[in-house]
C-alpha cells in the first residue's frame, strides 16, 4: 500500500510506467491469500486500468471473482488469459479454473 502511494504521489522518480499496475496486482495476490476477495478484485481492476495487458492481474481477478460467485465475469477473465497466453505450460491453472467455472454454469 505504501509503495502504491509513493508511486502515485510522484515521490518515486524514474519508476517504470507499469510499476503501479504490478504493485496493485501484487497487493491483490496478498489479498487473495487473506481471502479478501472484494478488495483483491478492486486491486486487479485498478492494475488493469493502468496496464490492460497485465495477465497476472486478469488471472487474479478471475480467482477473486470465482470466490465472489461472479462466475460469468470470472469466465470472461480466464478466457482472456487463455487467449493471450496460449502456451499450455503458462496457463495450466487458468485452464483448470475455466473448467471449474464452466461446470458451475
PDB file of N, CA and C in Angstrom:
ATOM      1  N   UNK A   1       0.811  -1.190   0.000  1.00  0.00           N
ATOM      2  CA  UNK A   1       0.000   0.000   0.000  1.00  0.00           C
ATOM      3  C   UNK A   1       0.858   1.260   0.000  1.00  0.00           C
ATOM      4  N   UNK A   2       1.925   1.239   0.806  1.00  0.00           N
ATOM      5  CA  UNK A   2       2.793   2.411   0.853  1.00  0.00           C
ATOM      6  C   UNK A   2       3.513   2.594  -0.478  1.00  0.00           C
ATOM      7  N   UNK A   3       3.935   1.497  -1.096  1.00  0.00           N
ATOM      8  CA  UNK A   3       4.615   1.595  -2.389  1.00  0.00           C
ATOM      9  C   UNK A   3       3.687   2.191  -3.440  1.00  0.00           C
ATOM     10  N   UNK A   4       2.434   1.788  -3.427  1.00  0.00           N
ATOM     11  CA  UNK A   4       1.458   2.340  -4.374  1.00  0.00           C
ATOM     12  C   UNK A   4       1.316   3.843  -4.132  1.00  0.00           C
ATOM     13  N   UNK A   5       1.220   4.240  -2.875  1.00  0.00           N
ATOM     14  CA  UNK A   5       1.111   5.660  -2.543  1.00  0.00           C
ATOM     15  C   UNK A   5       2.335   6.432  -3.029  1.00  0.00           C
ATOM     16  N   UNK A   6       3.523   5.876  -2.824  1.00  0.00           N
ATOM     17  CA  UNK A   6       4.751   6.556  -3.252  1.00  0.00           C
ATOM     18  C   UNK A   6       4.776   6.777  -4.759  1.00  0.00           C
ATOM     19  N   UNK A   7       4.361   5.770  -5.519  1.00  0.00           N
ATOM     20  CA  UNK A   7       4.350   5.898  -6.981  1.00  0.00           C
ATOM     21  C   UNK A   7       3.300   6.918  -7.408  1.00  0.00           C
ATOM     22  N   UNK A   8       2.098   6.822  -6.847  1.00  0.00           N
ATOM     23  CA  UNK A   8       1.015   7.740  -7.225  1.00  0.00           C
ATOM     24  C   UNK A   8       1.321   9.187  -6.861  1.00  0.00           C
ATOM     25  N   UNK A   9       1.975   9.391  -5.748  1.00  0.00           N
ATOM     26  CA  UNK A   9       2.248  10.754  -5.291  1.00  0.00           C
ATOM     27  C   UNK A   9       3.395  11.408  -6.050  1.00  0.00           C
ATOM     28  N   UNK A  10       4.103  10.620  -6.853  1.00  0.00           N
ATOM     29  CA  UNK A  10       5.213  11.161  -7.615  1.00  0.00           C
ATOM     30  C   UNK A  10       6.509  11.237  -6.837  1.00  0.00           C
ATOM     31  N   UNK A  11       6.525  10.681  -5.648  1.00  0.00           N
ATOM     32  CA  UNK A  11       7.741  10.715  -4.829  1.00  0.00           C
ATOM     33  C   UNK A  11       8.805   9.762  -5.347  1.00  0.00           C
ATOM     34  N   UNK A  12       8.394   8.768  -6.114  1.00  0.00           N
ATOM     35  CA  UNK A  12       9.356   7.848  -6.726  1.00  0.00           C
ATOM     36  C   UNK A  12       9.597   8.342  -8.144  1.00  0.00           C
ATOM     37  N   UNK A  13      10.794   8.782  -8.407  1.00  0.00           N
ATOM     38  CA  UNK A  13      11.145   9.294  -9.730  1.00  0.00           C
ATOM     39  C   UNK A  13      11.699   8.153 -10.574  1.00  0.00           C
ATOM     40  N   UNK A  14      11.510   8.271 -11.866  1.00  0.00           N
ATOM     41  CA  UNK A  14      12.041   7.311 -12.830  1.00  0.00           C
ATOM     42  C   UNK A  14      11.541   5.886 -12.591  1.00  0.00           C
ATOM     43  N   UNK A  15      10.316   5.748 -12.139  1.00  0.00           N
ATOM     44  CA  UNK A  15       9.723   4.420 -11.970  1.00  0.00           C
ATOM     45  C   UNK A  15       9.224   3.933 -13.325  1.00  0.00           C
ATOM     46  N   UNK A  16       9.351   2.635 -13.609  1.00  0.00           N
ATOM     47  CA  UNK A  16       8.811   2.107 -14.865  1.00  0.00           C
ATOM     48  C   UNK A  16       7.317   2.417 -14.960  1.00  0.00           C
ATOM     49  N   UNK A  17       6.843   2.635 -16.158  1.00  0.00           N
ATOM     50  CA  UNK A  17       5.458   3.062 -16.344  1.00  0.00           C
ATOM     51  C   UNK A  17       4.448   2.031 -15.849  1.00  0.00           C
ATOM     52  N   UNK A  18       4.797   0.757 -15.879  1.00  0.00           N
ATOM     53  CA  UNK A  18       3.841  -0.261 -15.450  1.00  0.00           C
ATOM     54  C   UNK A  18       4.016  -0.668 -13.986  1.00  0.00           C
ATOM     55  N   UNK A  19       4.865   0.034 -13.245  1.00  0.00           N
ATOM     56  CA  UNK A  19       5.130  -0.324 -11.853  1.00  0.00           C
ATOM     57  C   UNK A  19       3.864  -0.275 -11.001  1.00  0.00           C
ATOM     58  N   UNK A  20       3.060   0.743 -11.149  1.00  0.00           N
ATOM     59  CA  UNK A  20       1.840   0.853 -10.341  1.00  0.00           C
ATOM     60  C   UNK A  20       0.904  -0.321 -10.614  1.00  0.00           C
ATOM     61  N   UNK A  21       0.820  -0.752 -11.860  1.00  0.00           N
ATOM     62  CA  UNK A  21      -0.009  -1.908 -12.197  1.00  0.00           C
ATOM     63  C   UNK A  21       0.502  -3.163 -11.498  1.00  0.00           C
ATOM     64  N   UNK A  22       1.805  -3.356 -11.524  1.00  0.00           N
ATOM     65  CA  UNK A  22       2.414  -4.521 -10.873  1.00  0.00           C
ATOM     66  C   UNK A  22       2.173  -4.475  -9.362  1.00  0.00           C
ATOM     67  N   UNK A  23       2.300  -3.300  -8.777  1.00  0.00           N
ATOM     68  CA  UNK A  23       2.089  -3.172  -7.334  1.00  0.00           C
ATOM     69  C   UNK A  23       0.651  -3.501  -6.945  1.00  0.00           C
ATOM     70  N   UNK A  24      -0.311  -3.021  -7.725  1.00  0.00           N
ATOM     71  CA  UNK A  24      -1.717  -3.351  -7.454  1.00  0.00           C
ATOM     72  C   UNK A  24      -1.951  -4.854  -7.602  1.00  0.00           C
ATOM     73  N   UNK A  25      -1.361  -5.445  -8.624  1.00  0.00           N
ATOM     74  CA  UNK A  25      -1.515  -6.883  -8.840  1.00  0.00           C
ATOM     75  C   UNK A  25      -0.897  -7.679  -7.691  1.00  0.00           C
ATOM     76  N   UNK A  26       0.251  -7.242  -7.216  1.00  0.00           N
ATOM     77  CA  UNK A  26       0.899  -7.924  -6.093  1.00  0.00           C
ATOM     78  C   UNK A  26       0.080  -7.799  -4.808  1.00  0.00           C
ATOM     79  N   UNK A  27      -0.496  -6.617  -4.588  1.00  0.00           N
ATOM     80  CA  UNK A  27      -1.339  -6.461  -3.399  1.00  0.00           C
ATOM     81  C   UNK A  27      -2.593  -7.326  -3.526  1.00  0.00           C
ATOM     82  N   UNK A  28      -3.107  -7.448  -4.741  1.00  0.00           N
ATOM     83  CA  UNK A  28      -4.257  -8.328  -4.962  1.00  0.00           C
ATOM     84  C   UNK A  28      -3.908  -9.767  -4.595  1.00  0.00           C
ATOM     85  N   UNK A  29      -2.706 -10.201  -4.953  1.00  0.00           N
ATOM     86  CA  UNK A  29      -2.268 -11.557  -4.613  1.00  0.00           C
ATOM     87  C   UNK A  29      -2.256 -11.747  -3.093  1.00  0.00           C
ATOM     88  N   UNK A  30      -1.749 -10.761  -2.380  1.00  0.00           N
ATOM     89  CA  UNK A  30      -1.743 -10.839  -0.912  1.00  0.00           C
ATOM     90  C   UNK A  30      -3.170 -10.905  -0.374  1.00  0.00           C
ATOM     91  N   UNK A  31      -4.056 -10.126  -0.963  1.00  0.00           N
ATOM     92  CA  UNK A  31      -5.449 -10.124  -0.508  1.00  0.00           C
ATOM     93  C   UNK A  31      -6.146 -11.442  -0.833  1.00  0.00           C
ATOM     94  N   UNK A  32      -5.761 -12.075  -1.932  1.00  0.00           N
ATOM     95  CA  UNK A  32      -6.303 -13.398  -2.242  1.00  0.00           C
ATOM     96  C   UNK A  32      -5.869 -14.387  -1.166  1.00  0.00           C
ATOM     97  N   UNK A  33      -4.610 -14.325  -0.781  1.00  0.00           N
ATOM     98  CA  UNK A  33      -4.107 -15.217   0.268  1.00  0.00           C
ATOM     99  C   UNK A  33      -4.846 -14.988   1.589  1.00  0.00           C
ATOM    100  N   UNK A  34      -5.275 -13.749   1.822  1.00  0.00           N
ATOM    101  CA  UNK A  34      -6.023 -13.409   3.034  1.00  0.00           C
ATOM    102  C   UNK A  34      -7.530 -13.628   2.869  1.00  0.00           C
ATOM    103  N   UNK A  35      -7.935 -14.081   1.688  1.00  0.00           N
ATOM    104  CA  UNK A  35      -9.345 -14.323   1.352  1.00  0.00           C
ATOM    105  C   UNK A  35     -10.179 -13.043   1.398  1.00  0.00           C
ATOM    106  N   UNK A  36      -9.545 -11.939   1.048  1.00  0.00           N
ATOM    107  CA  UNK A  36     -10.231 -10.647   0.932  1.00  0.00           C
ATOM    108  C   UNK A  36     -10.607 -10.467  -0.536  1.00  0.00           C
ATOM    109  N   UNK A  37     -11.600 -11.229  -0.961  1.00  0.00           N
ATOM    110  CA  UNK A  37     -11.924 -11.352  -2.384  1.00  0.00           C
ATOM    111  C   UNK A  37     -12.325 -10.031  -3.020  1.00  0.00           C
ATOM    112  N   UNK A  38     -13.182  -9.255  -2.388  1.00  0.00           N
ATOM    113  CA  UNK A  38     -13.651  -7.999  -2.986  1.00  0.00           C
ATOM    114  C   UNK A  38     -12.503  -7.001  -3.144  1.00  0.00           C
ATOM    115  N   UNK A  39     -11.644  -6.902  -2.135  1.00  0.00           N
ATOM    116  CA  UNK A  39     -10.504  -5.994  -2.229  1.00  0.00           C
ATOM    117  C   UNK A  39      -9.516  -6.468  -3.284  1.00  0.00           C
ATOM    118  N   UNK A  40      -9.361  -7.782  -3.407  1.00  0.00           N
ATOM    119  CA  UNK A  40      -8.477  -8.323  -4.440  1.00  0.00           C
ATOM    120  C   UNK A  40      -9.011  -7.979  -5.826  1.00  0.00           C
ATOM    121  N   UNK A  41     -10.323  -8.120  -6.003  1.00  0.00           N
ATOM    122  CA  UNK A  41     -10.931  -7.775  -7.294  1.00  0.00           C
ATOM    123  C   UNK A  41     -10.708  -6.293  -7.603  1.00  0.00           C
ATOM    124  N   UNK A  42     -10.874  -5.428  -6.616  1.00  0.00           N
ATOM    125  CA  UNK A  42     -10.661  -3.990  -6.817  1.00  0.00           C
ATOM    126  C   UNK A  42      -9.220  -3.697  -7.231  1.00  0.00           C
ATOM    127  N   UNK A  43      -8.264  -4.327  -6.550  1.00  0.00           N
ATOM    128  CA  UNK A  43      -6.859  -4.098  -6.889  1.00  0.00           C
ATOM    129  C   UNK A  43      -6.542  -4.582  -8.299  1.00  0.00           C
ATOM    130  N   UNK A  44      -7.091  -5.711  -8.680  1.00  0.00           N
ATOM    131  CA  UNK A  44      -6.845  -6.217 -10.036  1.00  0.00           C
ATOM    132  C   UNK A  44      -7.431  -5.277 -11.078  1.00  0.00           C
ATOM    133  N   UNK A  45      -8.622  -4.786 -10.823  1.00  0.00           N
ATOM    134  CA  UNK A  45      -9.246  -3.846 -11.752  1.00  0.00           C
ATOM    135  C   UNK A  45      -8.420  -2.566 -11.845  1.00  0.00           C
ATOM    136  N   UNK A  46      -7.890  -2.106 -10.719  1.00  0.00           N
ATOM    137  CA  UNK A  46      -7.018  -0.925 -10.730  1.00  0.00           C
ATOM    138  C   UNK A  46      -5.750  -1.214 -11.527  1.00  0.00           C
ATOM    139  N   UNK A  47      -5.174  -2.390 -11.332  1.00  0.00           N
ATOM    140  CA  UNK A  47      -3.968  -2.774 -12.079  1.00  0.00           C
ATOM    141  C   UNK A  47      -4.244  -2.775 -13.573  1.00  0.00           C
ATOM    142  N   UNK A  48      -5.402  -3.289 -13.955  1.00  0.00           N
ATOM    143  CA  UNK A  48      -5.744  -3.375 -15.377  1.00  0.00           C
ATOM    144  C   UNK A  48      -6.077  -2.013 -15.974  1.00  0.00           C
ATOM    145  N   UNK A  49      -6.546  -1.085 -15.159  1.00  0.00           N
ATOM    146  CA  UNK A  49      -6.801   0.263 -15.683  1.00  0.00           C
ATOM    147  C   UNK A  49      -5.483   0.958 -16.021  1.00  0.00           C
ATOM    148  N   UNK A  50      -4.405   0.529 -15.380  1.00  0.00           N
ATOM    149  CA  UNK A  50      -3.078   1.089 -15.638  1.00  0.00           C
ATOM    150  C   UNK A  50      -2.332   0.343 -16.737  1.00  0.00           C
ATOM    151  N   UNK A  51      -2.615  -0.949 -16.874  1.00  0.00           N
ATOM    152  CA  UNK A  51      -1.960  -1.775 -17.892  1.00  0.00           C
ATOM    153  C   UNK A  51      -2.884  -2.933 -18.236  1.00  0.00           C
ATOM    154  N   UNK A  52      -3.640  -2.778 -19.312  1.00  0.00           N
ATOM    155  CA  UNK A  52      -4.632  -3.780 -19.702  1.00  0.00           C
ATOM    156  C   UNK A  52      -4.011  -5.114 -20.102  1.00  0.00           C
ATOM    157  N   UNK A  53      -2.713  -5.149 -20.346  1.00  0.00           N
ATOM    158  CA  UNK A  53      -2.049  -6.387 -20.762  1.00  0.00           C
ATOM    159  C   UNK A  53      -1.442  -7.162 -19.586  1.00  0.00           C
ATOM    160  N   UNK A  54      -1.738  -6.759 -18.379  1.00  0.00           N
ATOM    161  CA  UNK A  54      -1.223  -7.433 -17.185  1.00  0.00           C
ATOM    162  C   UNK A  54      -2.042  -8.707 -16.959  1.00  0.00           C
ATOM    163  N   UNK A  55      -1.580  -9.812 -17.547  1.00  0.00           N
ATOM    164  CA  UNK A  55      -2.332 -11.060 -17.491  1.00  0.00           C
ATOM    165  C   UNK A  55      -2.358 -11.673 -16.092  1.00  0.00           C
ATOM    166  N   UNK A  56      -1.357 -11.394 -15.281  1.00  0.00           N
ATOM    167  CA  UNK A  56      -1.420 -11.872 -13.891  1.00  0.00           C
ATOM    168  C   UNK A  56      -2.597 -11.220 -13.172  1.00  0.00           C
ATOM    169  N   UNK A  57      -2.806  -9.939 -13.424  1.00  0.00           N
ATOM    170  CA  UNK A  57      -3.927  -9.240 -12.797  1.00  0.00           C
ATOM    171  C   UNK A  57      -5.257  -9.794 -13.299  1.00  0.00           C
ATOM    172  N   UNK A  58      -5.334 -10.115 -14.580  1.00  0.00           N
ATOM    173  CA  UNK A  58      -6.567 -10.685 -15.131  1.00  0.00           C
ATOM    174  C   UNK A  58      -6.851 -12.033 -14.471  1.00  0.00           C
ATOM    175  N   UNK A  59      -5.815 -12.879 -14.368  1.00  0.00           N
ATOM    176  CA  UNK A  59      -5.993 -14.194 -13.757  1.00  0.00           C
ATOM    177  C   UNK A  59      -6.369 -14.062 -12.279  1.00  0.00           C
ATOM    178  N   UNK A  60      -5.702 -13.173 -11.581  1.00  0.00           N
ATOM    179  CA  UNK A  60      -6.005 -12.993 -10.162  1.00  0.00           C
ATOM    180  C   UNK A  60      -7.421 -12.451  -9.966  1.00  0.00           C
ATOM    181  N   UNK A  61      -7.862 -11.589 -10.881  1.00  0.00           N
ATOM    182  CA  UNK A  61      -9.239 -11.102 -10.789  1.00  0.00           C
ATOM    183  C   UNK A  61     -10.225 -12.241 -11.032  1.00  0.00           C
ATOM    184  N   UNK A  62      -9.879 -13.135 -11.943  1.00  0.00           N
ATOM    185  CA  UNK A  62     -10.727 -14.307 -12.176  1.00  0.00           C
ATOM    186  C   UNK A  62     -10.838 -15.148 -10.907  1.00  0.00           C
ATOM    187  N   UNK A  63      -9.722 -15.319 -10.207  1.00  0.00           N
ATOM    188  CA  UNK A  63      -9.751 -16.073  -8.948  1.00  0.00           C
ATOM    189  C   UNK A  63     -10.665 -15.397  -7.930  1.00  0.00           C
ATOM    190  N   UNK A  64     -10.504 -14.087  -7.778  1.00  0.00           N
ATOM    191  CA  UNK A  64     -11.327 -13.351  -6.816  1.00  0.00           C
ATOM    192  C   UNK A  64     -12.801 -13.411  -7.210  1.00  0.00           C
ATOM    193  N   UNK A  65     -13.081 -13.224  -8.477  1.00  0.00           N
ATOM    194  CA  UNK A  65     -14.472 -13.253  -8.939  1.00  0.00           C
ATOM    195  C   UNK A  65     -15.083 -14.640  -8.771  1.00  0.00           C
ATOM    196  N   UNK A  66     -14.273 -15.667  -8.914  1.00  0.00           N
ATOM    197  CA  UNK A  66     -14.765 -17.029  -8.690  1.00  0.00           C
ATOM    198  C   UNK A  66     -15.271 -17.160  -7.260  1.00  0.00           C
ATOM    199  N   UNK A  67     -14.493 -16.677  -6.318  1.00  0.00           N
ATOM    200  CA  UNK A  67     -14.871 -16.769  -4.905  1.00  0.00           C
ATOM    201  C   UNK A  67     -16.048 -15.856  -4.565  1.00  0.00           C
ATOM    202  N   UNK A  68     -16.216 -14.785  -5.320  1.00  0.00           N
ATOM    203  CA  UNK A  68     -17.338 -13.865  -5.111  1.00  0.00           C
ATOM    204  C   UNK A  68     -18.605 -14.338  -5.833  1.00  0.00           C
ATOM    205  N   UNK A  69     -18.528 -15.520  -6.441  1.00  0.00           N
ATOM    206  CA  UNK A  69     -19.653 -16.100  -7.187  1.00  0.00           C
ATOM    207  C   UNK A  69     -20.029 -15.274  -8.422  1.00  0.00           C
ATOM    208  N   UNK A  70     -19.063 -14.555  -8.972  1.00  0.00           N
ATOM    209  CA  UNK A  70     -19.265 -13.807 -10.217  1.00  0.00           C
ATOM    210  C   UNK A  70     -18.750 -14.683 -11.359  1.00  0.00           C
ATOM    211  N   UNK A  71     -19.440 -15.787 -11.568  1.00  0.00           N
ATOM    212  CA  UNK A  71     -18.953 -16.843 -12.450  1.00  0.00           C
ATOM    213  C   UNK A  71     -18.751 -16.369 -13.884  1.00  0.00           C
ATOM    214  N   UNK A  72     -19.725 -15.672 -14.441  1.00  0.00           N
ATOM    215  CA  UNK A  72     -19.602 -15.254 -15.841  1.00  0.00           C
ATOM    216  C   UNK A  72     -18.455 -14.263 -16.032  1.00  0.00           C
ATOM    217  N   UNK A  73     -18.303 -13.331 -15.116  1.00  0.00           N
ATOM    218  CA  UNK A  73     -17.204 -12.362 -15.207  1.00  0.00           C
ATOM    219  C   UNK A  73     -15.862 -13.065 -15.039  1.00  0.00           C
ATOM    220  N   UNK A  74     -15.798 -14.026 -14.120  1.00  0.00           N
ATOM    221  CA  UNK A  74     -14.563 -14.794 -13.919  1.00  0.00           C
ATOM    222  C   UNK A  74     -14.225 -15.585 -15.173  1.00  0.00           C
ATOM    223  N   UNK A  75     -15.232 -16.155 -15.798  1.00  0.00           N
ATOM    224  CA  UNK A  75     -15.014 -16.929 -17.021  1.00  0.00           C
ATOM    225  C   UNK A  75     -14.493 -16.035 -18.145  1.00  0.00           C
ATOM    226  N   UNK A  76     -15.013 -14.829 -18.264  1.00  0.00           N
ATOM    227  CA  UNK A  76     -14.509 -13.891 -19.279  1.00  0.00           C
ATOM    228  C   UNK A  76     -13.035 -13.584 -19.040  1.00  0.00           C
ATOM    229  N   UNK A  77     -12.674 -13.369 -17.779  1.00  0.00           N
ATOM    230  CA  UNK A  77     -11.272 -13.082 -17.454  1.00  0.00           C
ATOM    231  C   UNK A  77     -10.378 -14.260 -17.801  1.00  0.00           C
ATOM    232  N   UNK A  78     -10.781 -15.449 -17.397  1.00  0.00           N
ATOM    233  CA  UNK A  78      -9.922 -16.614 -17.615  1.00  0.00           C
ATOM    234  C   UNK A  78      -9.814 -16.933 -19.110  1.00  0.00           C
ATOM    235  N   UNK A  79     -10.867 -16.692 -19.869  1.00  0.00           N
ATOM    236  CA  UNK A  79     -10.793 -16.903 -21.320  1.00  0.00           C
ATOM    237  C   UNK A  79      -9.815 -15.919 -21.960  1.00  0.00           C
ATOM    238  N   UNK A  80      -9.760 -14.695 -21.458  1.00  0.00           N
ATOM    239  CA  UNK A  80      -8.795 -13.715 -21.963  1.00  0.00           C
ATOM    240  C   UNK A  80      -7.371 -14.181 -21.679  1.00  0.00           C
ATOM    241  N   UNK A  81      -7.133 -14.693 -20.485  1.00  0.00           N
ATOM    242  CA  UNK A  81      -5.803 -15.210 -20.138  1.00  0.00           C
ATOM    243  C   UNK A  81      -5.416 -16.334 -21.095  1.00  0.00           C
ATOM    244  N   UNK A  82      -6.326 -17.257 -21.334  1.00  0.00           N
ATOM    245  CA  UNK A  82      -6.029 -18.388 -22.220  1.00  0.00           C
ATOM    246  C   UNK A  82      -5.777 -17.931 -23.654  1.00  0.00           C
ATOM    247  N   UNK A  83      -6.470 -16.885 -24.076  1.00  0.00           N
ATOM    248  CA  UNK A  83      -6.266 -16.345 -25.423  1.00  0.00           C
ATOM    249  C   UNK A  83      -4.905 -15.664 -25.539  1.00  0.00           C
ATOM    250  N   UNK A  84      -4.545 -14.881 -24.526  1.00  0.00           N
ATOM    251  CA  UNK A  84      -3.298 -14.112 -24.568  1.00  0.00           C
ATOM    252  C   UNK A  84      -2.061 -14.951 -24.255  1.00  0.00           C
ATOM    253  N   UNK A  85      -2.232 -16.034 -23.516  1.00  0.00           N
ATOM    254  CA  UNK A  85      -1.111 -16.918 -23.152  1.00  0.00           C
ATOM    255  C   UNK A  85      -1.418 -18.332 -23.641  1.00  0.00           C
ATOM    256  N   UNK A  86      -1.273 -18.567 -24.944  1.00  0.00           N
ATOM    257  CA  UNK A  86      -1.682 -19.859 -25.498  1.00  0.00           C
ATOM    258  C   UNK A  86      -0.785 -21.040 -25.123  1.00  0.00           C
ATOM    259  N   UNK A  87       0.383 -20.788 -24.554  1.00  0.00           N
ATOM    260  CA  UNK A  87       1.293 -21.867 -24.185  1.00  0.00           C
ATOM    261  C   UNK A  87       0.710 -22.682 -23.029  1.00  0.00           C
ATOM    262  N   UNK A  88       0.521 -23.983 -23.215  1.00  0.00           N
ATOM    263  CA  UNK A  88      -0.083 -24.811 -22.162  1.00  0.00           C
ATOM    264  C   UNK A  88       0.672 -24.769 -20.831  1.00  0.00           C
ATOM    265  N   UNK A  89       1.983 -24.583 -20.874  1.00  0.00           N
ATOM    266  CA  UNK A  89       2.756 -24.526 -19.629  1.00  0.00           C
ATOM    267  C   UNK A  89       2.414 -23.276 -18.820  1.00  0.00           C
ATOM    268  N   UNK A  90       2.145 -22.154 -19.511  1.00  0.00           N
ATOM    269  CA  UNK A  90       1.872 -20.916 -18.784  1.00  0.00           C
ATOM    270  C   UNK A  90       0.443 -20.813 -18.298  1.00  0.00           C
ATOM    271  N   UNK A  91      -0.446 -21.597 -18.847  1.00  0.00           N
ATOM    272  CA  UNK A  91      -1.844 -21.392 -18.484  1.00  0.00           C
ATOM    273  C   UNK A  91      -2.544 -22.634 -17.947  1.00  0.00           C
ATOM    274  N   UNK A  92      -1.798 -23.571 -17.424  1.00  0.00           N
ATOM    275  CA  UNK A  92      -2.406 -24.795 -16.890  1.00  0.00           C
ATOM    276  C   UNK A  92      -3.440 -24.474 -15.813  1.00  0.00           C
ATOM    277  N   UNK A  93      -3.077 -23.608 -14.875  1.00  0.00           N
ATOM    278  CA  UNK A  93      -4.006 -23.243 -13.803  1.00  0.00           C
ATOM    279  C   UNK A  93      -5.229 -22.519 -14.355  1.00  0.00           C
ATOM    280  N   UNK A  94      -5.027 -21.686 -15.363  1.00  0.00           N
ATOM    281  CA  UNK A  94      -6.151 -20.971 -15.970  1.00  0.00           C
ATOM    282  C   UNK A  94      -7.100 -21.950 -16.656  1.00  0.00           C
ATOM    283  N   UNK A  95      -6.551 -22.950 -17.332  1.00  0.00           N
ATOM    284  CA  UNK A  95      -7.390 -23.952 -17.997  1.00  0.00           C
ATOM    285  C   UNK A  95      -8.207 -24.738 -16.972  1.00  0.00           C
ATOM    286  N   UNK A  96      -7.585 -25.068 -15.853  1.00  0.00           N
ATOM    287  CA  UNK A  96      -8.305 -25.784 -14.792  1.00  0.00           C
ATOM    288  C   UNK A  96      -9.409 -24.916 -14.195  1.00  0.00           C
ATOM    289  N   UNK A  97      -9.118 -23.631 -14.000  1.00  0.00           N
ATOM    290  CA  UNK A  97     -10.129 -22.717 -13.473  1.00  0.00           C
ATOM    291  C   UNK A  97     -11.288 -22.587 -14.454  1.00  0.00           C
ATOM    292  N   UNK A  98     -10.985 -22.504 -15.733  1.00  0.00           N
ATOM    293  CA  UNK A  98     -12.043 -22.404 -16.743  1.00  0.00           C
ATOM    294  C   UNK A  98     -12.962 -23.616 -16.674  1.00  0.00           C
ATOM    295  N   UNK A  99     -12.380 -24.779 -16.541  1.00  0.00           N
ATOM    296  CA  UNK A  99     -13.192 -25.997 -16.466  1.00  0.00           C
ATOM    297  C   UNK A  99     -14.117 -25.961 -15.244  1.00  0.00           C
ATOM    298  N   UNK A 100     -13.592 -25.540 -14.098  1.00  0.00           N
ATOM    299  CA  UNK A 100     -14.419 -25.458 -12.883  1.00  0.00           C
ATOM    300  C   UNK A 100     -15.553 -24.445 -13.058  1.00  0.00           C
ATOM    301  N   UNK A 101     -15.245 -23.325 -13.703  1.00  0.00           N
ATOM    302  CA  UNK A 101     -16.266 -22.296 -13.913  1.00  0.00           C
ATOM    303  C   UNK A 101     -17.353 -22.784 -14.864  1.00  0.00           C
ATOM    304  N   UNK A 102     -16.953 -23.470 -15.915  1.00  0.00           N
ATOM    305  CA  UNK A 102     -17.944 -23.986 -16.871  1.00  0.00           C
ATOM    306  C   UNK A 102     -18.855 -25.018 -16.219  1.00  0.00           C
ATOM    307  N   UNK A 103     -18.338 -25.756 -15.262  1.00  0.00           N
ATOM    308  CA  UNK A 103     -19.167 -26.732 -14.550  1.00  0.00           C
ATOM    309  C   UNK A 103     -20.228 -26.048 -13.697  1.00  0.00           C
ATOM    310  N   UNK A 104     -19.963 -24.819 -13.273  1.00  0.00           N
ATOM    311  CA  UNK A 104     -20.934 -24.063 -12.468  1.00  0.00           C
ATOM    312  C   UNK A 104     -22.115 -23.570 -13.297  1.00  0.00           C
ATOM    313  N   UNK A 105     -21.857 -23.320 -14.574  1.00  0.00           N
ATOM    314  CA  UNK A 105     -22.917 -22.732 -15.420  1.00  0.00           C
ATOM    315  C   UNK A 105     -23.939 -23.754 -15.848  1.00  0.00           C
TER     316      UNK A 105
END
